[in-house]
Amino acid sequence: MAFPSAGGNSGDAALSRHGPQRDKAPLDNFPTRIKRSVKDGSATPKCALESWRVHAQAPHNPLRPPNGSEMAATDPVRYPIHVDSETAEVGDAEELAVVLDVLNGRRDRDVLAQLRPHLPQIVRKPSDLPLLMRTLARDDQIFLIEAMGENLADALQTARHLRELLATIAEPHVKLTLIDTLDGPGLRKLVVTARDLAGTLEWAYAQCSLRLLELLGEDYLRRLIRHGDDLAFVLNAIAEEPQNALLTNIGWARVAELTRNARDLALLLRAVPPTISLTLLDQYDRRQLIEMIGDRRAWTYLYNRIKADEAMQLLRKLGADDAL
């Protein structure tokens, strides 16, 4: 594919993501397009503009600044990319996002494939992945995630950033690829509290939630969820099928042990549908319920927060005299 001269406005219109002729016009040369993207505010910060200007003025030695002096040893490593007869360099995710924007979706996979061995060095901080994912089609999003491999958790750093990335992904298959690529070790590195787990599951959805619970593992889930309110918080974030999976992984006997008082029991019953709540109540014997509920005030608190059929089941277990 030939690169035309940089003059005129037709190239700008054709390379606009919303331009009517986006698939017909050839690509302009990289450095010129990068300067335009930065000038009109559509792409990356000033640092990207400077790095591309260096390349434009020294095409045979892109690492040499315009004044001819050698770059400092502390300057970041840069990685070359080639599109037809043009060559450019990328040093970080912001610059890569500019390249992908300039190419306008026509050579994204080619660029990512050239950079694949270096993507973990380019994508280094939590904001990098959402920035790049927004510019890519579904299959290229999957390619990027898989290319990050075991470095994915280090780039995300925290469960909050994992949750934010999941929130930006529309395709369930891309979410599943993200979770599978993190795998058990990566997920356990990020998800370190019950609140982390709830926030991540909230944006995982459906089969992704089930897969996430499976990869975390039963033992780790039991360590994360230490109290009844922890469990209720997580249950509130997921649908019925993953709720059942979580309760099975933890073990129904363990669920009964986590329930310390009437407040815990009320939170758990409000978090699950009737098909689960009645099974939950079956886990407690009369002695456990009396110890949890304790007195008339606790019973009133619980009674006002549960469904009628749940209250009737509790009354049958307690006996009306104990409840009243």
Protein backbone atom coordinates (compact mmCIF):
# COMPACT_ATOMS: atom_id res chain seq x y z
CA MET A 1 0.00 0.00 0.00
CA ALA A 2 1.58 3.28 -1.14
CA PHE A 3 1.96 6.34 1.06
CA PRO A 4 0.97 9.61 -0.70
CA SER A 5 2.42 13.05 -0.04
CA ALA A 6 1.34 14.77 3.16
CA GLY A 7 -0.22 17.82 1.49
CA GLY A 8 -3.91 18.69 1.21
CA ASN A 9 -6.92 17.98 3.34
CA SER A 10 -8.28 14.89 1.57
CA GLY A 11 -6.01 12.63 3.60
CA ASP A 12 -7.36 14.06 6.85
CA ALA A 13 -10.95 13.49 5.80
CA ALA A 14 -10.28 9.98 4.62
CA LEU A 15 -8.42 9.04 7.79
CA SER A 16 -11.14 10.36 10.10
CA ARG A 17 -12.79 7.48 11.95
CA HIS A 18 -16.17 8.88 10.89
CA GLY A 19 -15.27 9.95 7.33
CA PRO A 20 -17.40 8.45 4.54
CA GLN A 21 -14.33 7.40 2.48
CA ARG A 22 -12.29 5.82 5.30
CA ASP A 23 -11.81 2.51 3.46
CA LYS A 24 -10.84 4.00 0.13
CA ALA A 25 -8.06 6.45 0.90
CA PRO A 26 -4.41 5.36 1.29
CA LEU A 27 -2.51 6.01 4.48
CA ASP A 28 -0.56 9.24 4.96
CA ASN A 29 3.01 8.98 6.31
CA PHE A 30 3.28 8.25 10.03
CA PRO A 31 5.17 11.31 11.38
CA THR A 32 2.97 13.82 9.56
CA ARG A 33 -0.24 12.14 10.69
CA ILE A 34 0.99 11.95 14.28
CA LYS A 35 1.69 15.69 14.31
CA ARG A 36 -1.79 16.39 12.99
CA SER A 37 -3.42 14.10 15.54
CA VAL A 38 -1.69 15.86 18.42
CA LYS A 39 -2.28 19.32 17.02
CA ASP A 40 -6.04 18.86 16.71
CA GLY A 41 -6.23 17.22 20.17
CA SER A 42 -7.47 13.88 18.90
CA ALA A 43 -4.60 11.79 20.19
CA THR A 44 -1.70 11.78 22.55
CA PRO A 45 0.26 14.21 24.75
CA LYS A 46 3.14 16.42 23.75
CA CYS A 47 5.74 13.76 24.54
CA ALA A 48 4.41 11.62 21.68
CA LEU A 49 4.63 14.52 19.28
CA GLU A 50 8.28 15.11 20.18
CA SER A 51 9.21 11.47 19.77
CA TRP A 52 7.60 11.30 16.35
CA ARG A 53 9.26 14.55 15.29
CA VAL A 54 12.62 12.98 16.15
CA HIS A 55 11.82 10.12 13.80
CA ALA A 56 10.67 12.45 11.04
CA GLN A 57 13.94 14.38 11.10
CA ALA A 58 16.27 11.37 11.41
CA PRO A 59 14.65 8.46 9.53
CA HIS A 60 17.90 6.48 9.23
CA ASN A 61 18.70 6.77 12.93
CA PRO A 62 15.47 7.38 14.88
CA LEU A 63 17.29 7.27 18.20
CA ARG A 64 19.33 10.39 17.34
CA PRO A 65 17.73 13.73 18.37
CA PRO A 66 17.50 16.57 15.83
CA ASN A 67 20.59 18.34 17.21
CA GLY A 68 22.75 15.27 16.52
CA SER A 69 23.65 14.49 20.14
CA GLU A 70 23.17 10.94 21.40
CA MET A 71 20.10 10.25 23.50
CA ALA A 72 20.69 9.81 27.20
CA ALA A 73 21.12 6.27 28.43
CA THR A 74 18.11 6.75 30.67
CA ASP A 75 15.72 7.38 27.78
CA PRO A 76 13.11 4.63 27.39
CA VAL A 77 13.58 1.81 24.91
CA ARG A 78 11.70 2.27 21.64
CA TYR A 79 10.42 -0.43 19.31
CA PRO A 80 10.21 -0.12 15.50
CA ILE A 81 7.12 -0.81 13.42
CA HIS A 82 6.91 -1.02 9.65
CA VAL A 83 3.93 -0.33 7.43
CA ASP A 84 4.74 -0.65 3.75
CA SER A 85 7.73 1.63 3.10
CA GLU A 86 7.33 3.68 6.28
CA THR A 87 9.07 2.99 9.59
CA ALA A 88 8.26 4.49 12.97
CA GLU A 89 8.86 3.75 16.64
CA VAL A 90 6.75 3.23 19.75
CA GLY A 91 7.92 3.71 23.32
CA ASP A 92 4.73 3.54 25.38
CA ALA A 93 1.01 2.81 25.20
CA GLU A 94 0.08 6.43 24.47
CA GLU A 95 2.21 6.45 21.34
CA LEU A 96 0.86 3.07 20.30
CA ALA A 97 -2.69 4.42 20.68
CA VAL A 98 -1.77 7.26 18.30
CA VAL A 99 -0.41 4.82 15.72
CA LEU A 100 -3.59 2.74 15.90
CA ASP A 101 -5.72 5.86 15.59
CA VAL A 102 -3.78 7.03 12.52
CA LEU A 103 -4.07 3.63 10.87
CA ASN A 104 -7.81 3.82 11.56
CA GLY A 105 -8.32 0.09 12.06
CA ARG A 106 -6.79 -0.98 8.76
CA ARG A 107 -3.46 -2.35 9.98
CA ASP A 108 -4.00 -2.77 13.73
CA ARG A 109 -3.26 -6.50 13.80
CA ASP A 110 -0.11 -6.03 11.73
CA VAL A 111 1.21 -3.42 14.17
CA LEU A 112 0.30 -5.49 17.24
CA ALA A 113 1.91 -8.60 15.73
CA GLN A 114 5.16 -6.72 15.11
CA LEU A 115 5.18 -5.44 18.69
CA ARG A 116 3.96 -8.65 20.32
CA PRO A 117 7.29 -9.59 22.01
CA HIS A 118 7.50 -6.05 23.45
CA LEU A 119 3.88 -5.39 24.46
CA PRO A 120 4.54 -6.18 28.16
CA GLN A 121 7.20 -3.44 28.12
CA ILE A 122 4.92 -0.99 26.28
CA VAL A 123 1.77 -1.67 28.32
CA ARG A 124 3.05 -1.04 31.84
CA LYS A 125 0.45 0.82 33.87
CA PRO A 126 -3.27 0.38 34.63
CA SER A 127 -4.46 3.17 32.32
CA ASP A 128 -2.66 1.67 29.31
CA LEU A 129 -4.98 -1.26 28.63
CA PRO A 130 -8.28 0.69 28.58
CA LEU A 131 -6.63 3.31 26.36
CA LEU A 132 -5.65 0.70 23.78
CA MET A 133 -8.75 -1.47 24.07
CA ARG A 134 -10.96 1.48 23.10
CA THR A 135 -9.19 1.74 19.72
CA LEU A 136 -9.32 -1.97 18.81
CA ALA A 137 -11.87 -4.31 17.28
CA ARG A 138 -12.93 -7.38 19.25
CA ASP A 139 -10.43 -9.85 17.75
CA ASP A 140 -7.58 -7.39 18.17
CA GLN A 141 -8.58 -6.80 21.80
CA ILE A 142 -8.27 -10.56 22.34
CA PHE A 143 -4.88 -10.57 20.58
CA LEU A 144 -3.60 -7.78 22.87
CA ILE A 145 -4.82 -9.50 26.04
CA GLU A 146 -3.30 -12.84 25.09
CA ALA A 147 -0.04 -11.17 24.09
CA MET A 148 0.26 -9.70 27.59
CA GLY A 149 0.13 -13.22 29.06
CA GLU A 150 1.41 -13.57 32.61
CA ASN A 151 2.33 -9.85 32.64
CA LEU A 152 -1.32 -8.85 32.56
CA ALA A 153 -1.78 -8.77 36.34
CA ASP A 154 1.34 -6.61 36.79
CA ALA A 155 0.01 -4.10 34.28
CA LEU A 156 -3.38 -3.90 36.01
CA GLN A 157 -1.88 -3.77 39.55
CA THR A 158 -5.16 -3.79 41.55
CA ALA A 159 -8.67 -5.25 41.53
CA ARG A 160 -10.05 -1.73 41.03
CA HIS A 161 -8.23 -1.42 37.73
CA LEU A 162 -9.37 -4.91 36.70
CA ARG A 163 -12.95 -3.87 37.45
CA GLU A 164 -12.56 -0.66 35.44
CA LEU A 165 -11.17 -2.60 32.48
CA LEU A 166 -14.03 -5.11 32.61
CA ALA A 167 -16.47 -2.21 32.64
CA THR A 168 -15.06 -0.90 29.33
CA ILE A 169 -15.34 -4.26 27.53
CA ALA A 170 -18.63 -4.88 25.75
CA GLU A 171 -18.01 -8.36 24.33
CA PRO A 172 -18.47 -11.29 26.77
CA HIS A 173 -15.86 -13.34 24.91
CA VAL A 174 -13.27 -10.59 25.45
CA LYS A 175 -14.12 -10.51 29.17
CA LEU A 176 -13.70 -14.28 29.32
CA THR A 177 -10.34 -14.04 27.54
CA LEU A 178 -9.21 -11.45 30.08
CA ILE A 179 -10.16 -13.68 33.01
CA ASP A 180 -8.64 -16.80 31.43
CA THR A 181 -5.40 -14.97 30.62
CA LEU A 182 -5.07 -13.75 34.21
CA ASP A 183 -5.70 -17.32 35.35
CA GLY A 184 -5.73 -18.28 39.03
CA PRO A 185 -2.35 -16.77 40.01
CA GLY A 186 -3.06 -13.44 38.32
CA LEU A 187 -6.56 -13.17 39.76
CA ARG A 188 -5.33 -14.00 43.26
CA LYS A 189 -2.68 -11.31 42.91
CA LEU A 190 -5.38 -8.69 42.21
CA VAL A 191 -8.40 -9.91 44.20
CA VAL A 192 -7.30 -9.79 47.83
CA THR A 193 -10.50 -8.93 49.75
CA ALA A 194 -14.17 -9.84 49.62
CA ARG A 195 -14.88 -6.29 48.41
CA ASP A 196 -12.41 -6.85 45.56
CA LEU A 197 -14.22 -10.05 44.66
CA ALA A 198 -17.66 -8.40 44.67
CA GLY A 199 -16.51 -5.49 42.52
CA THR A 200 -14.87 -7.78 39.97
CA LEU A 201 -17.83 -10.16 39.77
CA GLU A 202 -20.21 -7.24 39.29
CA TRP A 203 -18.64 -6.47 35.90
CA ALA A 204 -17.82 -10.05 34.88
CA TYR A 205 -21.37 -11.22 34.16
CA ALA A 206 -22.82 -14.67 33.45
CA GLN A 207 -20.32 -17.35 32.43
CA CYS A 208 -17.41 -15.03 33.17
CA SER A 209 -18.45 -14.93 36.84
CA LEU A 210 -18.54 -18.71 37.01
CA ARG A 211 -15.12 -18.95 35.38
CA LEU A 212 -13.66 -16.36 37.75
CA LEU A 213 -14.90 -18.27 40.81
CA GLU A 214 -13.52 -21.51 39.38
CA LEU A 215 -10.07 -20.00 38.77
CA LEU A 216 -9.86 -18.42 42.22
CA GLY A 217 -10.52 -21.84 43.76
CA GLU A 218 -12.50 -23.06 46.75
CA ASP A 219 -9.74 -22.63 49.33
CA TYR A 220 -8.99 -19.06 48.29
CA LEU A 221 -12.69 -18.14 48.31
CA ARG A 222 -13.01 -19.46 51.87
CA ARG A 223 -10.05 -17.32 52.94
CA LEU A 224 -11.48 -14.21 51.27
CA ILE A 225 -14.96 -14.51 52.76
CA ARG A 226 -14.56 -14.38 56.54
CA HIS A 227 -17.94 -13.14 57.79
CA GLY A 228 -21.59 -13.24 56.85
CA ASP A 229 -21.60 -9.64 55.67
CA ASP A 230 -18.63 -10.43 53.37
CA LEU A 231 -20.64 -13.22 51.81
CA ALA A 232 -23.77 -11.09 51.47
CA PHE A 233 -21.78 -8.33 49.78
CA VAL A 234 -20.45 -10.76 47.18
CA LEU A 235 -23.82 -12.46 46.65
CA ASN A 236 -25.43 -9.10 45.93
CA ALA A 237 -23.03 -8.61 43.00
CA ILE A 238 -23.96 -11.78 41.08
CA ALA A 239 -26.92 -13.62 39.56
CA GLU A 240 -28.51 -16.81 40.83
CA GLU A 241 -26.32 -19.31 38.97
CA PRO A 242 -22.99 -17.93 40.22
CA GLN A 243 -24.59 -17.49 43.66
CA ASN A 244 -25.23 -21.21 43.77
CA ALA A 245 -21.70 -21.89 42.57
CA LEU A 246 -20.19 -19.64 45.23
CA LEU A 247 -22.22 -21.16 48.05
CA THR A 248 -21.32 -24.65 46.86
CA ASN A 249 -17.62 -23.74 46.67
CA ILE A 250 -17.62 -22.31 50.18
CA GLY A 251 -19.76 -25.14 51.49
CA TRP A 252 -23.19 -24.79 53.11
CA ALA A 253 -21.82 -25.80 56.50
CA ARG A 254 -19.26 -23.00 56.28
CA VAL A 255 -22.02 -20.53 55.34
CA ALA A 256 -23.83 -21.40 58.57
CA GLU A 257 -20.61 -20.83 60.54
CA LEU A 258 -20.10 -17.39 58.94
CA THR A 259 -23.54 -16.20 60.09
CA ARG A 260 -22.85 -14.52 63.42
CA ASN A 261 -26.09 -12.70 64.27
CA ALA A 262 -29.52 -11.59 63.08
CA ARG A 263 -27.99 -8.85 60.94
CA ASP A 264 -25.80 -11.32 59.01
CA LEU A 265 -28.78 -13.60 58.47
CA ALA A 266 -30.95 -10.74 57.25
CA LEU A 267 -28.25 -9.58 54.81
CA LEU A 268 -27.81 -13.08 53.41
CA LEU A 269 -31.53 -13.69 52.98
CA ARG A 270 -32.00 -10.34 51.21
CA ALA A 271 -29.11 -11.08 48.83
CA VAL A 272 -30.51 -14.32 47.38
CA PRO A 273 -33.76 -15.39 45.68
CA PRO A 274 -36.32 -17.64 47.45
CA THR A 275 -34.96 -20.76 45.74
CA ILE A 276 -31.70 -20.22 47.63
CA SER A 277 -32.95 -18.58 50.82
CA LEU A 278 -35.07 -21.55 51.87
CA THR A 279 -32.11 -23.88 51.31
CA LEU A 280 -30.00 -21.48 53.36
CA LEU A 281 -32.42 -21.57 56.30
CA ASP A 282 -32.33 -25.37 56.23
CA GLN A 283 -28.64 -25.17 57.26
CA TYR A 284 -29.44 -23.83 60.75
CA ASP A 285 -30.84 -25.87 63.61
CA ARG A 286 -33.00 -24.45 66.40
CA ARG A 287 -30.11 -23.92 68.78
CA GLN A 288 -28.07 -21.96 66.19
CA LEU A 289 -31.03 -19.72 65.37
CA ILE A 290 -31.71 -18.93 69.02
CA GLU A 291 -28.05 -18.01 69.54
CA MET A 292 -28.02 -15.78 66.46
CA ILE A 293 -31.31 -14.02 67.01
CA GLY A 294 -30.91 -13.76 70.76
CA ASP A 295 -33.85 -11.62 71.86
CA ARG A 296 -37.12 -9.97 70.82
CA ARG A 297 -35.33 -6.88 69.47
CA ALA A 298 -33.13 -8.96 67.16
CA TRP A 299 -36.14 -10.98 66.03
CA THR A 300 -38.04 -7.79 65.16
CA TYR A 301 -35.02 -6.52 63.19
CA LEU A 302 -34.84 -9.77 61.24
CA TYR A 303 -38.60 -10.17 60.74
CA ASN A 304 -38.92 -6.70 59.20
CA ARG A 305 -36.25 -7.49 56.59
CA ILE A 306 -37.20 -10.92 55.26
CA LYS A 307 -39.95 -12.40 53.10
CA ALA A 308 -43.13 -13.89 54.56
CA ASP A 309 -42.27 -17.49 53.61
CA GLU A 310 -38.81 -17.09 55.16
CA ALA A 311 -40.37 -15.77 58.37
CA MET A 312 -42.76 -18.75 58.48
CA GLN A 313 -39.88 -21.19 58.05
CA LEU A 314 -37.99 -19.49 60.87
CA LEU A 315 -41.03 -19.64 63.12
CA ARG A 316 -41.40 -23.35 62.50
CA LYS A 317 -37.74 -23.89 63.39
CA LEU A 318 -37.83 -21.66 66.47
CA GLY A 319 -41.30 -22.36 67.73
CA ALA A 320 -43.76 -19.50 68.12
CA ASP A 321 -42.95 -18.99 71.82
CA ASP A 322 -39.27 -18.44 71.05
CA ALA A 323 -40.06 -16.02 68.23
CA LEU A 324 -42.48 -13.97 70.27
